[in-house]
Amino acid sequence: MDRPFYPQKIFEFIPVLLPYLLVTFEIMLGTVMTGLVVGFFLAKGQLSKKVWAKGFSGFIINVLRCTPSIVMLFIIFYGLPILFWGLFKIDINKWNKAVYVIISLGLLFSGSAAEIMRSSYLSVAKGQREAGLTSGLTEAQTFRRIVLPQAFVVSLPNLGNSLITLLKEGSLAYTIGLIDVMGKGTTLIGIHQGAYAIETYIALAIIYWTLTIALEQFFKFLEKNFSKGSSSVAGAK
């Protein structure tokens, strides 16, 4: 039997769902930090002159980028406890489920992060790095003062798109029982025995739309402001 649609329920559910955004943000922050750290080493391998390092990092990046998010989440959630018990006799089944989500999505994000870092670094003209070195700057100073500001600006559009994708992929956390904003929405539907499902999903969609637009505007703001400083650095050199 078809259920009637109650638009007012959408606005009743949004305040109920919003507090669980904190869990969503915590997962996203942990995922970004994990992905950037792992991605840095993968990007470093891609830029290495050593064939084995470049080949190994390239292989890992391809594997990560070709693995569906839900598959990676289940591999980590079910496979990591088996691995830890088999190798170290350590039971990690009591770990917070957020840890598994952060590890799995962090690994997936690292593949994209590595490519963003590599391409952004290579976008800076080699002559600017050489000019920095010949002017008396060290390798570290050249990277920090000349390369990094310009590479950061170049990376912003792709980084913003990756974070938006990451935000939406984080909604998969509910599939292993983690109650974030999506998990709370699923719980609400269950509490109402399937009633108000469409209203709940529309409320979730509004929340995700708002967050996506906010992220887009934030990265546009960063790109506009950092582009000025980057242009000054490039012009000075």
C-alpha atoms as a PDB file:
ATOM      1  CA  MET A   1       0.000   0.000   0.000  1.00  0.00           C
ATOM      2  CA  ASP A   2       1.329   3.435  -0.933  1.00  0.00           C
ATOM      3  CA  ARG A   3       2.152   5.702   1.989  1.00  0.00           C
ATOM      4  CA  PRO A   4       1.188   9.390   1.929  1.00  0.00           C
ATOM      5  CA  PHE A   5       3.964  11.950   1.613  1.00  0.00           C
ATOM      6  CA  TYR A   6       4.396  14.411   4.487  1.00  0.00           C
ATOM      7  CA  PRO A   7       6.703  17.318   3.474  1.00  0.00           C
ATOM      8  CA  GLN A   8       6.653  18.757   7.002  1.00  0.00           C
ATOM      9  CA  LYS A   9       8.439  15.645   8.244  1.00  0.00           C
ATOM     10  CA  ILE A  10      11.515  16.657   6.238  1.00  0.00           C
ATOM     11  CA  PHE A  11      11.971  19.725   8.418  1.00  0.00           C
ATOM     12  CA  GLU A  12      11.211  17.742  11.553  1.00  0.00           C
ATOM     13  CA  PHE A  13      13.944  15.214  10.733  1.00  0.00           C
ATOM     14  CA  ILE A  14      16.727  17.656   9.805  1.00  0.00           C
ATOM     15  CA  PRO A  15      17.296  18.869  13.424  1.00  0.00           C
ATOM     16  CA  VAL A  16      17.322  15.230  14.554  1.00  0.00           C
ATOM     17  CA  LEU A  17      19.975  14.319  11.974  1.00  0.00           C
ATOM     18  CA  LEU A  18      22.247  17.368  12.321  1.00  0.00           C
ATOM     19  CA  PRO A  19      23.917  16.393  15.670  1.00  0.00           C
ATOM     20  CA  TYR A  20      25.260  13.243  13.997  1.00  0.00           C
ATOM     21  CA  LEU A  21      27.191  15.378  11.518  1.00  0.00           C
ATOM     22  CA  LEU A  22      29.863  15.550  14.217  1.00  0.00           C
ATOM     23  CA  VAL A  23      30.592  11.860  13.647  1.00  0.00           C
ATOM     24  CA  THR A  24      30.640  12.461   9.890  1.00  0.00           C
ATOM     25  CA  PHE A  25      33.121  15.329  10.283  1.00  0.00           C
ATOM     26  CA  GLU A  26      35.330  13.305  12.631  1.00  0.00           C
ATOM     27  CA  ILE A  27      35.477  10.485  10.095  1.00  0.00           C
ATOM     28  CA  MET A  28      36.236  12.922   7.297  1.00  0.00           C
ATOM     29  CA  LEU A  29      39.021  14.626   9.268  1.00  0.00           C
ATOM     30  CA  GLY A  30      40.616  11.301  10.193  1.00  0.00           C
ATOM     31  CA  THR A  31      40.289  10.072   6.627  1.00  0.00           C
ATOM     32  CA  VAL A  32      41.893  13.209   5.159  1.00  0.00           C
ATOM     33  CA  MET A  33      44.818  13.064   7.587  1.00  0.00           C
ATOM     34  CA  THR A  34      45.380   9.361   6.901  1.00  0.00           C
ATOM     35  CA  GLY A  35      45.036   9.831   3.150  1.00  0.00           C
ATOM     36  CA  LEU A  36      47.415  12.794   2.996  1.00  0.00           C
ATOM     37  CA  VAL A  37      50.126  10.993   4.979  1.00  0.00           C
ATOM     38  CA  VAL A  38      49.927   7.804   2.920  1.00  0.00           C
ATOM     39  CA  GLY A  39      49.460   9.825  -0.273  1.00  0.00           C
ATOM     40  CA  PHE A  40      52.615  11.832   0.437  1.00  0.00           C
ATOM     41  CA  PHE A  41      54.749   8.680   0.491  1.00  0.00           C
ATOM     42  CA  LEU A  42      53.028   7.315  -2.610  1.00  0.00           C
ATOM     43  CA  ALA A  43      53.610  10.609  -4.435  1.00  0.00           C
ATOM     44  CA  LYS A  44      57.225  10.599  -3.293  1.00  0.00           C
ATOM     45  CA  GLY A  45      57.584   7.123  -4.758  1.00  0.00           C
ATOM     46  CA  GLN A  46      56.061   8.280  -8.038  1.00  0.00           C
ATOM     47  CA  LEU A  47      58.559  11.138  -8.233  1.00  0.00           C
ATOM     48  CA  SER A  48      61.487   8.927  -7.282  1.00  0.00           C
ATOM     49  CA  LYS A  49      64.219   8.136  -9.801  1.00  0.00           C
ATOM     50  CA  LYS A  50      64.310   4.574  -8.502  1.00  0.00           C
ATOM     51  CA  VAL A  51      62.431   2.270 -10.844  1.00  0.00           C
ATOM     52  CA  TRP A  52      61.252  -0.097  -8.121  1.00  0.00           C
ATOM     53  CA  ALA A  53      59.871   2.745  -5.971  1.00  0.00           C
ATOM     54  CA  LYS A  54      58.050   4.305  -8.904  1.00  0.00           C
ATOM     55  CA  GLY A  55      56.649   0.953 -10.019  1.00  0.00           C
ATOM     56  CA  PHE A  56      55.557  -0.102  -6.535  1.00  0.00           C
ATOM     57  CA  SER A  57      53.838   3.200  -5.714  1.00  0.00           C
ATOM     58  CA  GLY A  58      52.178   3.254  -9.139  1.00  0.00           C
ATOM     59  CA  PHE A  59      50.841  -0.262  -8.582  1.00  0.00           C
ATOM     60  CA  ILE A  60      49.456   0.634  -5.141  1.00  0.00           C
ATOM     61  CA  ILE A  61      47.814   3.797  -6.486  1.00  0.00           C
ATOM     62  CA  ASN A  62      46.133   1.869  -9.299  1.00  0.00           C
ATOM     63  CA  VAL A  63      44.867  -0.797  -6.911  1.00  0.00           C
ATOM     64  CA  LEU A  64      43.459   1.803  -4.522  1.00  0.00           C
ATOM     65  CA  ARG A  65      41.825   3.887  -7.253  1.00  0.00           C
ATOM     66  CA  CYS A  66      40.204   0.816  -8.832  1.00  0.00           C
ATOM     67  CA  THR A  67      38.757  -0.588  -5.613  1.00  0.00           C
ATOM     68  CA  PRO A  68      35.105   0.328  -4.876  1.00  0.00           C
ATOM     69  CA  SER A  69      34.624   2.055  -1.531  1.00  0.00           C
ATOM     70  CA  ILE A  70      32.182  -0.523  -0.195  1.00  0.00           C
ATOM     71  CA  VAL A  71      34.556  -3.359  -1.107  1.00  0.00           C
ATOM     72  CA  MET A  72      37.498  -1.692   0.638  1.00  0.00           C
ATOM     73  CA  LEU A  73      35.367  -0.993   3.724  1.00  0.00           C
ATOM     74  CA  PHE A  74      34.324  -4.644   4.031  1.00  0.00           C
ATOM     75  CA  ILE A  75      37.866  -5.911   3.376  1.00  0.00           C
ATOM     76  CA  ILE A  76      39.221  -3.732   6.195  1.00  0.00           C
ATOM     77  CA  PHE A  77      36.312  -4.350   8.567  1.00  0.00           C
ATOM     78  CA  TYR A  78      36.320  -8.141   8.194  1.00  0.00           C
ATOM     79  CA  GLY A  79      39.896  -8.750   7.084  1.00  0.00           C
ATOM     80  CA  LEU A  80      41.947  -6.597   9.457  1.00  0.00           C
ATOM     81  CA  PRO A  81      40.863  -8.448  12.628  1.00  0.00           C
ATOM     82  CA  ILE A  82      41.739 -11.768  10.974  1.00  0.00           C
ATOM     83  CA  LEU A  83      45.144 -10.403   9.909  1.00  0.00           C
ATOM     84  CA  PHE A  84      45.957  -9.024  13.371  1.00  0.00           C
ATOM     85  CA  TRP A  85      44.914 -12.239  15.084  1.00  0.00           C
ATOM     86  CA  GLY A  86      46.776 -14.438  12.618  1.00  0.00           C
ATOM     87  CA  LEU A  87      50.041 -12.464  12.770  1.00  0.00           C
ATOM     88  CA  PHE A  88      50.111 -10.991  16.268  1.00  0.00           C
ATOM     89  CA  LYS A  89      47.385 -12.858  18.208  1.00  0.00           C
ATOM     90  CA  ILE A  90      45.790  -9.466  18.909  1.00  0.00           C
ATOM     91  CA  ASP A  91      41.997  -9.168  19.011  1.00  0.00           C
ATOM     92  CA  ILE A  92      40.914  -5.854  17.484  1.00  0.00           C
ATOM     93  CA  ASN A  93      37.225  -6.711  17.120  1.00  0.00           C
ATOM     94  CA  LYS A  94      36.429  -4.242  19.906  1.00  0.00           C
ATOM     95  CA  TRP A  95      37.963  -1.314  18.062  1.00  0.00           C
ATOM     96  CA  ASN A  96      35.628   1.586  17.407  1.00  0.00           C
ATOM     97  CA  LYS A  97      33.998   1.102  14.019  1.00  0.00           C
ATOM     98  CA  ALA A  98      35.078   4.600  13.047  1.00  0.00           C
ATOM     99  CA  VAL A  99      38.675   3.336  12.972  1.00  0.00           C
ATOM    100  CA  TYR A 100      37.843   0.841  10.226  1.00  0.00           C
ATOM    101  CA  VAL A 101      36.029   3.512   8.213  1.00  0.00           C
ATOM    102  CA  ILE A 102      38.946   5.947   8.545  1.00  0.00           C
ATOM    103  CA  ILE A 103      41.490   3.305   7.525  1.00  0.00           C
ATOM    104  CA  SER A 104      39.515   2.092   4.513  1.00  0.00           C
ATOM    105  CA  LEU A 105      38.477   5.501   3.176  1.00  0.00           C
ATOM    106  CA  GLY A 106      41.878   6.950   4.091  1.00  0.00           C
ATOM    107  CA  LEU A 107      43.589   4.358   1.927  1.00  0.00           C
ATOM    108  CA  LEU A 108      41.234   5.081  -0.956  1.00  0.00           C
ATOM    109  CA  PHE A 109      41.722   8.819  -0.588  1.00  0.00           C
ATOM    110  CA  SER A 110      45.507   8.372  -0.518  1.00  0.00           C
ATOM    111  CA  GLY A 111      45.455   7.182  -4.131  1.00  0.00           C
ATOM    112  CA  SER A 112      43.777  10.376  -5.305  1.00  0.00           C
ATOM    113  CA  ALA A 113      45.863  12.506  -2.928  1.00  0.00           C
ATOM    114  CA  ALA A 114      49.080  11.026  -4.318  1.00  0.00           C
ATOM    115  CA  GLU A 115      48.112  11.886  -7.888  1.00  0.00           C
ATOM    116  CA  ILE A 116      47.073  15.398  -6.860  1.00  0.00           C
ATOM    117  CA  MET A 117      50.395  15.961  -5.062  1.00  0.00           C
ATOM    118  CA  ARG A 118      52.447  14.545  -7.930  1.00  0.00           C
ATOM    119  CA  SER A 119      50.731  16.546 -10.668  1.00  0.00           C
ATOM    120  CA  SER A 120      50.735  19.740  -8.582  1.00  0.00           C
ATOM    121  CA  TYR A 121      54.443  19.405  -7.855  1.00  0.00           C
ATOM    122  CA  LEU A 122      55.263  18.811 -11.518  1.00  0.00           C
ATOM    123  CA  SER A 123      53.150  21.810 -12.554  1.00  0.00           C
ATOM    124  CA  VAL A 124      55.714  24.164 -11.021  1.00  0.00           C
ATOM    125  CA  ALA A 125      58.328  25.023 -13.627  1.00  0.00           C
ATOM    126  CA  LYS A 126      61.667  23.352 -12.993  1.00  0.00           C
ATOM    127  CA  GLY A 127      63.383  26.664 -13.660  1.00  0.00           C
ATOM    128  CA  GLN A 128      61.784  28.192 -10.573  1.00  0.00           C
ATOM    129  CA  ARG A 129      63.215  25.465  -8.358  1.00  0.00           C
ATOM    130  CA  GLU A 130      66.626  25.936  -9.939  1.00  0.00           C
ATOM    131  CA  ALA A 131      66.389  29.721  -9.508  1.00  0.00           C
ATOM    132  CA  GLY A 132      65.657  29.270  -5.835  1.00  0.00           C
ATOM    133  CA  LEU A 133      68.710  27.056  -5.370  1.00  0.00           C
ATOM    134  CA  THR A 134      71.027  29.371  -7.286  1.00  0.00           C
ATOM    135  CA  SER A 135      69.834  32.339  -5.206  1.00  0.00           C
ATOM    136  CA  GLY A 136      71.198  30.668  -2.092  1.00  0.00           C
ATOM    137  CA  LEU A 137      68.116  28.900  -0.767  1.00  0.00           C
ATOM    138  CA  THR A 138      68.378  25.325   0.455  1.00  0.00           C
ATOM    139  CA  GLU A 139      66.268  22.504  -1.010  1.00  0.00           C
ATOM    140  CA  ALA A 140      63.861  22.764   1.929  1.00  0.00           C
ATOM    141  CA  GLN A 141      63.600  26.556   1.683  1.00  0.00           C
ATOM    142  CA  THR A 142      63.067  26.401  -2.079  1.00  0.00           C
ATOM    143  CA  PHE A 143      60.278  23.889  -1.634  1.00  0.00           C
ATOM    144  CA  ARG A 144      58.600  25.811   1.188  1.00  0.00           C
ATOM    145  CA  ARG A 145      58.858  29.312  -0.277  1.00  0.00           C
ATOM    146  CA  ILE A 146      58.578  28.732  -4.019  1.00  0.00           C
ATOM    147  CA  VAL A 147      57.263  25.286  -4.932  1.00  0.00           C
ATOM    148  CA  LEU A 148      54.721  24.616  -2.188  1.00  0.00           C
ATOM    149  CA  PRO A 149      52.659  27.847  -2.517  1.00  0.00           C
ATOM    150  CA  GLN A 150      52.226  27.353  -6.268  1.00  0.00           C
ATOM    151  CA  ALA A 151      51.643  23.603  -6.068  1.00  0.00           C
ATOM    152  CA  PHE A 152      49.059  24.147  -3.326  1.00  0.00           C
ATOM    153  CA  VAL A 153      47.022  26.528  -5.498  1.00  0.00           C
ATOM    154  CA  VAL A 154      47.139  24.108  -8.433  1.00  0.00           C
ATOM    155  CA  SER A 155      45.963  21.274  -6.183  1.00  0.00           C
ATOM    156  CA  LEU A 156      42.946  23.102  -4.737  1.00  0.00           C
ATOM    157  CA  PRO A 157      40.309  22.313  -7.444  1.00  0.00           C
ATOM    158  CA  ASN A 158      41.148  18.606  -7.522  1.00  0.00           C
ATOM    159  CA  LEU A 159      41.520  18.457  -3.748  1.00  0.00           C
ATOM    160  CA  GLY A 160      38.120  20.088  -3.308  1.00  0.00           C
ATOM    161  CA  ASN A 161      36.472  17.608  -5.681  1.00  0.00           C
ATOM    162  CA  SER A 162      38.142  14.707  -3.879  1.00  0.00           C
ATOM    163  CA  LEU A 163      36.921  15.922  -0.485  1.00  0.00           C
ATOM    164  CA  ILE A 164      33.366  16.262  -1.798  1.00  0.00           C
ATOM    165  CA  THR A 165      33.546  12.694  -3.078  1.00  0.00           C
ATOM    166  CA  LEU A 166      34.987  11.622   0.264  1.00  0.00           C
ATOM    167  CA  LEU A 167      32.132  13.298   2.125  1.00  0.00           C
ATOM    168  CA  LYS A 168      29.603  11.286   0.150  1.00  0.00           C
ATOM    169  CA  GLU A 169      31.550   8.025   0.433  1.00  0.00           C
ATOM    170  CA  GLY A 170      31.591   8.470   4.200  1.00  0.00           C
ATOM    171  CA  SER A 171      27.863   7.733   4.151  1.00  0.00           C
ATOM    172  CA  LEU A 172      28.802   4.069   3.656  1.00  0.00           C
ATOM    173  CA  ALA A 173      29.876   3.932   7.308  1.00  0.00           C
ATOM    174  CA  TYR A 174      26.360   2.913   8.314  1.00  0.00           C
ATOM    175  CA  THR A 175      26.798  -0.397   6.463  1.00  0.00           C
ATOM    176  CA  ILE A 176      29.047  -1.643   9.283  1.00  0.00           C
ATOM    177  CA  GLY A 177      26.848  -0.205  12.014  1.00  0.00           C
ATOM    178  CA  LEU A 178      28.467   3.184  12.621  1.00  0.00           C
ATOM    179  CA  ILE A 179      25.844   5.794  13.455  1.00  0.00           C
ATOM    180  CA  ASP A 180      26.767   8.955  11.603  1.00  0.00           C
ATOM    181  CA  VAL A 181      24.255  11.252   9.896  1.00  0.00           C
ATOM    182  CA  MET A 182      23.414   8.579   7.306  1.00  0.00           C
ATOM    183  CA  GLY A 183      23.272   5.883   9.952  1.00  0.00           C
ATOM    184  CA  LYS A 184      20.892   7.987  12.042  1.00  0.00           C
ATOM    185  CA  GLY A 185      18.671   8.439   8.995  1.00  0.00           C
ATOM    186  CA  THR A 186      18.525   4.682   8.489  1.00  0.00           C
ATOM    187  CA  THR A 187      17.735   4.256  12.188  1.00  0.00           C
ATOM    188  CA  LEU A 188      14.873   6.758  11.923  1.00  0.00           C
ATOM    189  CA  ILE A 189      13.359   4.799   9.066  1.00  0.00           C
ATOM    190  CA  GLY A 190      13.624   1.629  11.119  1.00  0.00           C
ATOM    191  CA  ILE A 191      12.011   3.272  14.161  1.00  0.00           C
ATOM    192  CA  HIS A 192       9.074   4.309  12.012  1.00  0.00           C
ATOM    193  CA  GLN A 193       8.894   0.804  10.483  1.00  0.00           C
ATOM    194  CA  GLY A 194       9.593   2.063   6.978  1.00  0.00           C
ATOM    195  CA  ALA A 195       7.310   5.058   7.183  1.00  0.00           C
ATOM    196  CA  TYR A 196       8.629   8.484   6.214  1.00  0.00           C
ATOM    197  CA  ALA A 197      11.511   6.889   4.323  1.00  0.00           C
ATOM    198  CA  ILE A 198      11.342   9.298   1.393  1.00  0.00           C
ATOM    199  CA  GLU A 199      11.062  12.257   3.778  1.00  0.00           C
ATOM    200  CA  THR A 200      14.133  11.051   5.677  1.00  0.00           C
ATOM    201  CA  TYR A 201      16.186  10.601   2.519  1.00  0.00           C
ATOM    202  CA  ILE A 202      15.181  14.044   1.260  1.00  0.00           C
ATOM    203  CA  ALA A 203      16.284  15.508   4.618  1.00  0.00           C
ATOM    204  CA  LEU A 204      19.639  13.703   4.227  1.00  0.00           C
ATOM    205  CA  ALA A 205      19.949  14.938   0.642  1.00  0.00           C
ATOM    206  CA  ILE A 206      19.381  18.539   1.764  1.00  0.00           C
ATOM    207  CA  ILE A 207      22.118  18.162   4.396  1.00  0.00           C
ATOM    208  CA  TYR A 208      24.589  16.689   1.886  1.00  0.00           C
ATOM    209  CA  TRP A 209      23.698  19.301  -0.747  1.00  0.00           C
ATOM    210  CA  THR A 210      24.333  22.086   1.766  1.00  0.00           C
ATOM    211  CA  LEU A 211      27.666  20.611   2.843  1.00  0.00           C
ATOM    212  CA  THR A 212      28.754  20.110  -0.768  1.00  0.00           C
ATOM    213  CA  ILE A 213      27.943  23.703  -1.709  1.00  0.00           C
ATOM    214  CA  ALA A 214      29.733  24.958   1.419  1.00  0.00           C
ATOM    215  CA  LEU A 215      32.848  22.939   0.537  1.00  0.00           C
ATOM    216  CA  GLU A 216      32.804  24.197  -3.046  1.00  0.00           C
ATOM    217  CA  GLN A 217      32.578  27.812  -1.898  1.00  0.00           C
ATOM    218  CA  PHE A 218      35.304  27.279   0.706  1.00  0.00           C
ATOM    219  CA  PHE A 219      37.761  25.942  -1.877  1.00  0.00           C
ATOM    220  CA  LYS A 220      36.885  28.723  -4.314  1.00  0.00           C
ATOM    221  CA  PHE A 221      37.686  31.189  -1.540  1.00  0.00           C
ATOM    222  CA  LEU A 222      41.002  29.457  -0.839  1.00  0.00           C
ATOM    223  CA  GLU A 223      41.911  29.339  -4.525  1.00  0.00           C
ATOM    224  CA  LYS A 224      41.121  33.034  -5.009  1.00  0.00           C
ATOM    225  CA  ASN A 225      43.132  34.159  -1.994  1.00  0.00           C
ATOM    226  CA  PHE A 226      46.119  31.849  -2.349  1.00  0.00           C
ATOM    227  CA  SER A 227      46.361  32.548  -6.078  1.00  0.00           C
ATOM    228  CA  LYS A 228      47.330  36.135  -5.256  1.00  0.00           C
ATOM    229  CA  GLY A 229      50.250  35.061  -3.099  1.00  0.00           C
ATOM    230  CA  SER A 230      51.286  32.387  -5.561  1.00  0.00           C
ATOM    231  CA  SER A 231      51.279  34.895  -8.429  1.00  0.00           C
ATOM    232  CA  SER A 232      53.484  37.206  -6.384  1.00  0.00           C
ATOM    233  CA  VAL A 233      55.986  34.418  -5.738  1.00  0.00           C
ATOM    234  CA  ALA A 234      56.055  33.414  -9.396  1.00  0.00           C
ATOM    235  CA  GLY A 235      56.424  37.024 -10.504  1.00  0.00           C
ATOM    236  CA  ALA A 236      59.271  37.645  -8.113  1.00  0.00           C
ATOM    237  CA  LYS A 237      61.173  34.748  -9.567  1.00  0.00           C
END
